[in-house]
Amino acid sequence: MTMYHGGDVVDRAQAVLDAHAVSSADGLCVACRVPGPCGRYEGAAAVFTQSLRLPRRIPGVTRPELIGARRVGFRGLLGGVG
């Protein structure tokens, strides 16, 4: 397989990463429901390693709300100062 710094292979790998994220709540792949990361996720991650690119991150895909995580604004990071 020829690897390019973009194109269809990277787009397909990104779609797999998005669909097979590991849940923050239980550590399972959200699509396969196996302890993650699953084999499909690992394969897609390898595409990014070979292409010298980073995958896009989509906030919330790992379902952090299931463990009580919440979004903290800038003021929350400073402990209310500022």
PDB file of N, CA and C in Angstrom:
ATOM      1  N   MET A   1       0.843  -1.165   0.000  1.00  0.00           N
ATOM      2  CA  MET A   1       0.000   0.000   0.000  1.00  0.00           C
ATOM      3  C   MET A   1       0.896   1.239   0.000  1.00  0.00           C
ATOM      4  N   THR A   2       0.629   2.155  -0.899  1.00  0.00           N
ATOM      5  CA  THR A   2       1.368   3.407  -0.942  1.00  0.00           C
ATOM      6  C   THR A   2       0.765   4.382   0.046  1.00  0.00           C
ATOM      7  N   MET A   3       1.608   5.034   0.815  1.00  0.00           N
ATOM      8  CA  MET A   3       1.146   5.971   1.836  1.00  0.00           C
ATOM      9  C   MET A   3       1.417   7.385   1.370  1.00  0.00           C
ATOM     10  N   TYR A   4       0.424   8.218   1.447  1.00  0.00           N
ATOM     11  CA  TYR A   4       0.564   9.632   1.138  1.00  0.00           C
ATOM     12  C   TYR A   4       0.285  10.429   2.401  1.00  0.00           C
ATOM     13  N   HIS A   5       0.657  11.688   2.406  1.00  0.00           N
ATOM     14  CA  HIS A   5       0.412  12.541   3.566  1.00  0.00           C
ATOM     15  C   HIS A   5      -1.034  12.990   3.645  1.00  0.00           C
ATOM     16  N   GLY A   6      -1.880  12.431   2.892  1.00  0.00           N
ATOM     17  CA  GLY A   6      -3.300  12.759   2.917  1.00  0.00           C
ATOM     18  C   GLY A   6      -4.019  11.765   2.033  1.00  0.00           C
ATOM     19  N   GLY A   7      -5.231  12.071   1.712  1.00  0.00           N
ATOM     20  CA  GLY A   7      -5.946  11.249   0.770  1.00  0.00           C
ATOM     21  C   GLY A   7      -6.875  10.245   1.411  1.00  0.00           C
ATOM     22  N   ASP A   8      -7.332   9.343   0.589  1.00  0.00           N
ATOM     23  CA  ASP A   8      -8.380   8.402   0.955  1.00  0.00           C
ATOM     24  C   ASP A   8      -7.990   7.465   2.098  1.00  0.00           C
ATOM     25  N   VAL A   9      -6.757   7.002   2.119  1.00  0.00           N
ATOM     26  CA  VAL A   9      -6.327   6.061   3.163  1.00  0.00           C
ATOM     27  C   VAL A   9      -6.413   6.725   4.541  1.00  0.00           C
ATOM     28  N   VAL A  10      -5.946   7.955   4.628  1.00  0.00           N
ATOM     29  CA  VAL A  10      -5.987   8.679   5.904  1.00  0.00           C
ATOM     30  C   VAL A  10      -7.426   8.996   6.283  1.00  0.00           C
ATOM     31  N   ASP A  11      -8.245   9.368   5.316  1.00  0.00           N
ATOM     32  CA  ASP A  11      -9.660   9.648   5.601  1.00  0.00           C
ATOM     33  C   ASP A  11     -10.378   8.414   6.138  1.00  0.00           C
ATOM     34  N   ARG A  12     -10.114   7.261   5.543  1.00  0.00           N
ATOM     35  CA  ARG A  12     -10.738   6.022   6.027  1.00  0.00           C
ATOM     36  C   ARG A  12     -10.235   5.674   7.426  1.00  0.00           C
ATOM     37  N   ALA A  13      -8.944   5.867   7.666  1.00  0.00           N
ATOM     38  CA  ALA A  13      -8.379   5.591   8.984  1.00  0.00           C
ATOM     39  C   ALA A  13      -8.998   6.512  10.035  1.00  0.00           C
ATOM     40  N   GLN A  14      -9.216   7.779   9.682  1.00  0.00           N
ATOM     41  CA  GLN A  14      -9.844   8.712  10.613  1.00  0.00           C
ATOM     42  C   GLN A  14     -11.252   8.255  10.967  1.00  0.00           C
ATOM     43  N   ALA A  15     -11.995   7.777   9.992  1.00  0.00           N
ATOM     44  CA  ALA A  15     -13.354   7.300  10.246  1.00  0.00           C
ATOM     45  C   ALA A  15     -13.352   6.106  11.198  1.00  0.00           C
ATOM     46  N   VAL A  16     -12.372   5.228  11.058  1.00  0.00           N
ATOM     47  CA  VAL A  16     -12.259   4.073  11.960  1.00  0.00           C
ATOM     48  C   VAL A  16     -11.928   4.543  13.378  1.00  0.00           C
ATOM     49  N   LEU A  17     -10.986   5.475  13.503  1.00  0.00           N
ATOM     50  CA  LEU A  17     -10.652   5.986  14.836  1.00  0.00           C
ATOM     51  C   LEU A  17     -11.866   6.626  15.502  1.00  0.00           C
ATOM     52  N   ASP A  18     -12.645   7.364  14.738  1.00  0.00           N
ATOM     53  CA  ASP A  18     -13.835   8.018  15.282  1.00  0.00           C
ATOM     54  C   ASP A  18     -14.865   6.990  15.759  1.00  0.00           C
ATOM     55  N   ALA A  19     -15.041   5.932  14.994  1.00  0.00           N
ATOM     56  CA  ALA A  19     -16.054   4.922  15.325  1.00  0.00           C
ATOM     57  C   ALA A  19     -15.608   3.964  16.418  1.00  0.00           C
ATOM     58  N   HIS A  20     -14.309   3.749  16.556  1.00  0.00           N
ATOM     59  CA  HIS A  20     -13.800   2.736  17.479  1.00  0.00           C
ATOM     60  C   HIS A  20     -13.008   3.338  18.645  1.00  0.00           C
ATOM     61  N   ALA A  21     -13.422   4.485  19.115  1.00  0.00           N
ATOM     62  CA  ALA A  21     -12.765   5.118  20.265  1.00  0.00           C
ATOM     63  C   ALA A  21     -12.975   4.262  21.507  1.00  0.00           C
ATOM     64  N   VAL A  22     -12.075   4.407  22.461  1.00  0.00           N
ATOM     65  CA  VAL A  22     -12.180   3.671  23.723  1.00  0.00           C
ATOM     66  C   VAL A  22     -12.955   4.529  24.719  1.00  0.00           C
ATOM     67  N   SER A  23     -14.004   3.966  25.283  1.00  0.00           N
ATOM     68  CA  SER A  23     -14.846   4.683  26.230  1.00  0.00           C
ATOM     69  C   SER A  23     -14.088   5.004  27.513  1.00  0.00           C
ATOM     70  N   SER A  24     -14.256   6.242  27.982  1.00  0.00           N
ATOM     71  CA  SER A  24     -13.641   6.642  29.255  1.00  0.00           C
ATOM     72  C   SER A  24     -14.281   5.912  30.428  1.00  0.00           C
ATOM     73  N   ALA A  25     -15.525   5.510  30.273  1.00  0.00           N
ATOM     74  CA  ALA A  25     -16.275   4.919  31.377  1.00  0.00           C
ATOM     75  C   ALA A  25     -15.869   3.487  31.683  1.00  0.00           C
ATOM     76  N   ASP A  26     -15.733   2.675  30.633  1.00  0.00           N
ATOM     77  CA  ASP A  26     -15.498   1.253  30.891  1.00  0.00           C
ATOM     78  C   ASP A  26     -14.286   0.678  30.167  1.00  0.00           C
ATOM     79  N   GLY A  27     -13.589   1.489  29.375  1.00  0.00           N
ATOM     80  CA  GLY A  27     -12.398   1.021  28.683  1.00  0.00           C
ATOM     81  C   GLY A  27     -12.673   0.129  27.490  1.00  0.00           C
ATOM     82  N   LEU A  28     -13.930   0.070  27.055  1.00  0.00           N
ATOM     83  CA  LEU A  28     -14.291  -0.759  25.909  1.00  0.00           C
ATOM     84  C   LEU A  28     -14.369   0.068  24.642  1.00  0.00           C
ATOM     85  N   CYS A  29     -14.093  -0.562  23.511  1.00  0.00           N
ATOM     86  CA  CYS A  29     -14.292   0.067  22.214  1.00  0.00           C
ATOM     87  C   CYS A  29     -15.782   0.369  22.094  1.00  0.00           C
ATOM     88  N   VAL A  30     -16.133   1.601  21.719  1.00  0.00           N
ATOM     89  CA  VAL A  30     -17.546   1.974  21.678  1.00  0.00           C
ATOM     90  C   VAL A  30     -18.298   1.266  20.558  1.00  0.00           C
ATOM     91  N   ALA A  31     -17.610   0.744  19.544  1.00  0.00           N
ATOM     92  CA  ALA A  31     -18.269   0.029  18.452  1.00  0.00           C
ATOM     93  C   ALA A  31     -18.261  -1.487  18.670  1.00  0.00           C
ATOM     94  N   CYS A  32     -17.107  -2.047  19.016  1.00  0.00           N
ATOM     95  CA  CYS A  32     -16.955  -3.506  19.136  1.00  0.00           C
ATOM     96  C   CYS A  32     -17.344  -4.040  20.510  1.00  0.00           C
ATOM     97  N   ARG A  33     -17.281  -3.155  21.532  1.00  0.00           N
ATOM     98  CA  ARG A  33     -17.558  -3.542  22.918  1.00  0.00           C
ATOM     99  C   ARG A  33     -16.571  -4.583  23.437  1.00  0.00           C
ATOM    100  N   VAL A  34     -15.325  -4.501  22.989  1.00  0.00           N
ATOM    101  CA  VAL A  34     -14.244  -5.338  23.502  1.00  0.00           C
ATOM    102  C   VAL A  34     -13.267  -4.412  24.233  1.00  0.00           C
ATOM    103  N   PRO A  35     -12.467  -4.952  25.152  1.00  0.00           N
ATOM    104  CA  PRO A  35     -11.483  -4.083  25.804  1.00  0.00           C
ATOM    105  C   PRO A  35     -10.621  -3.390  24.749  1.00  0.00           C
ATOM    106  N   GLY A  36     -10.522  -2.099  24.866  1.00  0.00           N
ATOM    107  CA  GLY A  36      -9.888  -1.324  23.808  1.00  0.00           C
ATOM    108  C   GLY A  36      -8.461  -0.954  24.126  1.00  0.00           C
ATOM    109  N   PRO A  37      -7.762  -0.506  23.146  1.00  0.00           N
ATOM    110  CA  PRO A  37      -8.235  -0.308  21.785  1.00  0.00           C
ATOM    111  C   PRO A  37      -8.342  -1.638  21.030  1.00  0.00           C
ATOM    112  N   CYS A  38      -9.364  -1.707  20.185  1.00  0.00           N
ATOM    113  CA  CYS A  38      -9.595  -2.930  19.411  1.00  0.00           C
ATOM    114  C   CYS A  38      -8.609  -2.998  18.240  1.00  0.00           C
ATOM    115  N   GLY A  39      -8.602  -4.100  17.557  1.00  0.00           N
ATOM    116  CA  GLY A  39      -7.695  -4.304  16.424  1.00  0.00           C
ATOM    117  C   GLY A  39      -7.921  -3.313  15.299  1.00  0.00           C
ATOM    118  N   ARG A  40      -9.163  -2.967  15.019  1.00  0.00           N
ATOM    119  CA  ARG A  40      -9.455  -2.001  13.958  1.00  0.00           C
ATOM    120  C   ARG A  40      -8.877  -0.639  14.313  1.00  0.00           C
ATOM    121  N   TYR A  41      -8.993  -0.229  15.584  1.00  0.00           N
ATOM    122  CA  TYR A  41      -8.438   1.047  16.025  1.00  0.00           C
ATOM    123  C   TYR A  41      -6.921   1.039  15.879  1.00  0.00           C
ATOM    124  N   GLU A  42      -6.284  -0.039  16.312  1.00  0.00           N
ATOM    125  CA  GLU A  42      -4.823  -0.147  16.229  1.00  0.00           C
ATOM    126  C   GLU A  42      -4.341  -0.062  14.787  1.00  0.00           C
ATOM    127  N   GLY A  43      -5.061  -0.714  13.875  1.00  0.00           N
ATOM    128  CA  GLY A  43      -4.692  -0.653  12.463  1.00  0.00           C
ATOM    129  C   GLY A  43      -4.804   0.754  11.904  1.00  0.00           C
ATOM    130  N   ALA A  44      -5.865   1.445  12.269  1.00  0.00           N
ATOM    131  CA  ALA A  44      -6.053   2.821  11.804  1.00  0.00           C
ATOM    132  C   ALA A  44      -4.998   3.743  12.395  1.00  0.00           C
ATOM    133  N   ALA A  45      -4.636   3.526  13.653  1.00  0.00           N
ATOM    134  CA  ALA A  45      -3.599   4.342  14.277  1.00  0.00           C
ATOM    135  C   ALA A  45      -2.263   4.160  13.560  1.00  0.00           C
ATOM    136  N   ALA A  46      -2.002   2.955  13.080  1.00  0.00           N
ATOM    137  CA  ALA A  46      -0.754   2.692  12.359  1.00  0.00           C
ATOM    138  C   ALA A  46      -0.686   3.493  11.063  1.00  0.00           C
ATOM    139  N   VAL A  47      -1.823   3.705  10.428  1.00  0.00           N
ATOM    140  CA  VAL A  47      -1.851   4.525   9.211  1.00  0.00           C
ATOM    141  C   VAL A  47      -1.337   5.924   9.516  1.00  0.00           C
ATOM    142  N   PHE A  48      -1.759   6.495  10.644  1.00  0.00           N
ATOM    143  CA  PHE A  48      -1.307   7.830  10.995  1.00  0.00           C
ATOM    144  C   PHE A  48       0.181   7.847  11.334  1.00  0.00           C
ATOM    145  N   THR A  49       0.678   6.804  11.945  1.00  0.00           N
ATOM    146  CA  THR A  49       2.108   6.713  12.233  1.00  0.00           C
ATOM    147  C   THR A  49       2.910   6.732  10.934  1.00  0.00           C
ATOM    148  N   GLN A  50       2.458   5.974   9.961  1.00  0.00           N
ATOM    149  CA  GLN A  50       3.164   5.889   8.681  1.00  0.00           C
ATOM    150  C   GLN A  50       3.007   7.149   7.843  1.00  0.00           C
ATOM    151  N   SER A  51       1.898   7.863   8.006  1.00  0.00           N
ATOM    152  CA  SER A  51       1.651   9.047   7.177  1.00  0.00           C
ATOM    153  C   SER A  51       2.266  10.310   7.783  1.00  0.00           C
ATOM    154  N   LEU A  52       2.818  10.209   8.991  1.00  0.00           N
ATOM    155  CA  LEU A  52       3.422  11.346   9.688  1.00  0.00           C
ATOM    156  C   LEU A  52       2.410  12.461   9.952  1.00  0.00           C
ATOM    157  N   ARG A  53       1.159  12.071  10.191  1.00  0.00           N
ATOM    158  CA  ARG A  53       0.100  13.023  10.519  1.00  0.00           C
ATOM    159  C   ARG A  53      -0.522  12.622  11.846  1.00  0.00           C
ATOM    160  N   LEU A  54      -1.200  13.567  12.466  1.00  0.00           N
ATOM    161  CA  LEU A  54      -1.961  13.281  13.680  1.00  0.00           C
ATOM    162  C   LEU A  54      -3.435  13.189  13.331  1.00  0.00           C
ATOM    163  N   PRO A  55      -4.151  12.277  13.972  1.00  0.00           N
ATOM    164  CA  PRO A  55      -5.594  12.207  13.722  1.00  0.00           C
ATOM    165  C   PRO A  55      -6.309  13.403  14.346  1.00  0.00           C
ATOM    166  N   ARG A  56      -7.458  13.741  13.794  1.00  0.00           N
ATOM    167  CA  ARG A  56      -8.307  14.770  14.402  1.00  0.00           C
ATOM    168  C   ARG A  56      -8.932  14.188  15.661  1.00  0.00           C
ATOM    169  N   ARG A  57      -9.093  15.004  16.659  1.00  0.00           N
ATOM    170  CA  ARG A  57      -9.757  14.582  17.892  1.00  0.00           C
ATOM    171  C   ARG A  57     -11.130  15.214  17.930  1.00  0.00           C
ATOM    172  N   ILE A  58     -12.120  14.440  18.282  1.00  0.00           N
ATOM    173  CA  ILE A  58     -13.484  14.930  18.364  1.00  0.00           C
ATOM    174  C   ILE A  58     -13.893  14.933  19.831  1.00  0.00           C
ATOM    175  N   PRO A  59     -14.128  16.120  20.400  1.00  0.00           N
ATOM    176  CA  PRO A  59     -14.512  16.183  21.810  1.00  0.00           C
ATOM    177  C   PRO A  59     -15.772  15.354  22.088  1.00  0.00           C
ATOM    178  N   GLY A  60     -15.714  14.567  23.144  1.00  0.00           N
ATOM    179  CA  GLY A  60     -16.872  13.799  23.581  1.00  0.00           C
ATOM    180  C   GLY A  60     -17.005  12.406  23.008  1.00  0.00           C
ATOM    181  N   VAL A  61     -16.180  12.027  22.044  1.00  0.00           N
ATOM    182  CA  VAL A  61     -16.346  10.719  21.406  1.00  0.00           C
ATOM    183  C   VAL A  61     -16.081   9.564  22.384  1.00  0.00           C
ATOM    184  N   THR A  62     -15.288   9.792  23.420  1.00  0.00           N
ATOM    185  CA  THR A  62     -15.013   8.733  24.397  1.00  0.00           C
ATOM    186  C   THR A  62     -16.033   8.697  25.525  1.00  0.00           C
ATOM    187  N   ARG A  63     -17.059   9.542  25.440  1.00  0.00           N
ATOM    188  CA  ARG A  63     -18.177   9.584  26.385  1.00  0.00           C
ATOM    189  C   ARG A  63     -17.721   9.867  27.817  1.00  0.00           C
ATOM    190  N   PRO A  64     -16.944  10.938  28.033  1.00  0.00           N
ATOM    191  CA  PRO A  64     -16.428  11.236  29.375  1.00  0.00           C
ATOM    192  C   PRO A  64     -17.517  11.557  30.387  1.00  0.00           C
ATOM    193  N   GLU A  65     -18.690  11.931  29.929  1.00  0.00           N
ATOM    194  CA  GLU A  65     -19.779  12.230  30.864  1.00  0.00           C
ATOM    195  C   GLU A  65     -20.202  11.000  31.662  1.00  0.00           C
ATOM    196  N   LEU A  66     -19.890   9.822  31.164  1.00  0.00           N
ATOM    197  CA  LEU A  66     -20.260   8.598  31.868  1.00  0.00           C
ATOM    198  C   LEU A  66     -19.457   8.400  33.152  1.00  0.00           C
ATOM    199  N   ILE A  67     -18.339   9.093  33.279  1.00  0.00           N
ATOM    200  CA  ILE A  67     -17.563   8.995  34.520  1.00  0.00           C
ATOM    201  C   ILE A  67     -17.635  10.295  35.318  1.00  0.00           C
ATOM    202  N   GLY A  68     -18.592  11.142  34.954  1.00  0.00           N
ATOM    203  CA  GLY A  68     -18.804  12.373  35.701  1.00  0.00           C
ATOM    204  C   GLY A  68     -17.898  13.516  35.284  1.00  0.00           C
ATOM    205  N   ALA A  69     -17.168  13.354  34.190  1.00  0.00           N
ATOM    206  CA  ALA A  69     -16.309  14.446  33.719  1.00  0.00           C
ATOM    207  C   ALA A  69     -17.185  15.557  33.164  1.00  0.00           C
ATOM    208  N   ARG A  70     -16.735  16.779  33.355  1.00  0.00           N
ATOM    209  CA  ARG A  70     -17.466  17.911  32.802  1.00  0.00           C
ATOM    210  C   ARG A  70     -16.464  18.904  32.256  1.00  0.00           C
ATOM    211  N   ARG A  71     -16.926  19.717  31.342  1.00  0.00           N
ATOM    212  CA  ARG A  71     -16.076  20.719  30.719  1.00  0.00           C
ATOM    213  C   ARG A  71     -15.759  21.821  31.726  1.00  0.00           C
ATOM    214  N   VAL A  72     -14.504  22.198  31.812  1.00  0.00           N
ATOM    215  CA  VAL A  72     -14.073  23.245  32.736  1.00  0.00           C
ATOM    216  C   VAL A  72     -13.580  24.418  31.912  1.00  0.00           C
ATOM    217  N   GLY A  73     -14.094  25.608  32.205  1.00  0.00           N
ATOM    218  CA  GLY A  73     -13.659  26.804  31.505  1.00  0.00           C
ATOM    219  C   GLY A  73     -12.318  27.290  32.021  1.00  0.00           C
ATOM    220  N   PHE A  74     -11.825  28.341  31.423  1.00  0.00           N
ATOM    221  CA  PHE A  74     -10.531  28.899  31.799  1.00  0.00           C
ATOM    222  C   PHE A  74     -10.507  29.326  33.261  1.00  0.00           C
ATOM    223  N   ARG A  75     -11.585  29.933  33.744  1.00  0.00           N
ATOM    224  CA  ARG A  75     -11.633  30.355  35.139  1.00  0.00           C
ATOM    225  C   ARG A  75     -11.539  29.153  36.072  1.00  0.00           C
ATOM    226  N   GLY A  76     -12.145  28.032  35.691  1.00  0.00           N
ATOM    227  CA  GLY A  76     -12.073  26.830  36.520  1.00  0.00           C
ATOM    228  C   GLY A  76     -10.655  26.296  36.633  1.00  0.00           C
ATOM    229  N   LEU A  77      -9.866  26.470  35.590  1.00  0.00           N
ATOM    230  CA  LEU A  77      -8.476  26.012  35.623  1.00  0.00           C
ATOM    231  C   LEU A  77      -7.633  26.841  36.574  1.00  0.00           C
ATOM    232  N   LEU A  78      -8.029  28.083  36.782  1.00  0.00           N
ATOM    233  CA  LEU A  78      -7.269  28.965  37.673  1.00  0.00           C
ATOM    234  C   LEU A  78      -7.817  28.951  39.091  1.00  0.00           C
ATOM    235  N   GLY A  79      -8.764  28.068  39.358  1.00  0.00           N
ATOM    236  CA  GLY A  79      -9.345  27.997  40.694  1.00  0.00           C
ATOM    237  C   GLY A  79     -10.205  29.203  41.021  1.00  0.00           C
ATOM    238  N   GLY A  80     -10.809  29.797  39.977  1.00  0.00           N
ATOM    239  CA  GLY A  80     -11.695  30.938  40.180  1.00  0.00           C
ATOM    240  C   GLY A  80     -10.981  32.272  40.224  1.00  0.00           C
ATOM    241  N   VAL A  81      -9.663  32.259  40.051  1.00  0.00           N
ATOM    242  CA  VAL A  81      -8.897  33.508  40.075  1.00  0.00           C
ATOM    243  C   VAL A  81      -8.937  34.130  38.682  1.00  0.00           C
ATOM    244  N   GLY A  82      -9.104  35.436  38.606  1.00  0.00           N
ATOM    245  CA  GLY A  82      -9.003  36.122  37.318  1.00  0.00           C
ATOM    246  C   GLY A  82     -10.258  36.491  36.757  1.00  0.00           C
TER     247      GLY A  82
END
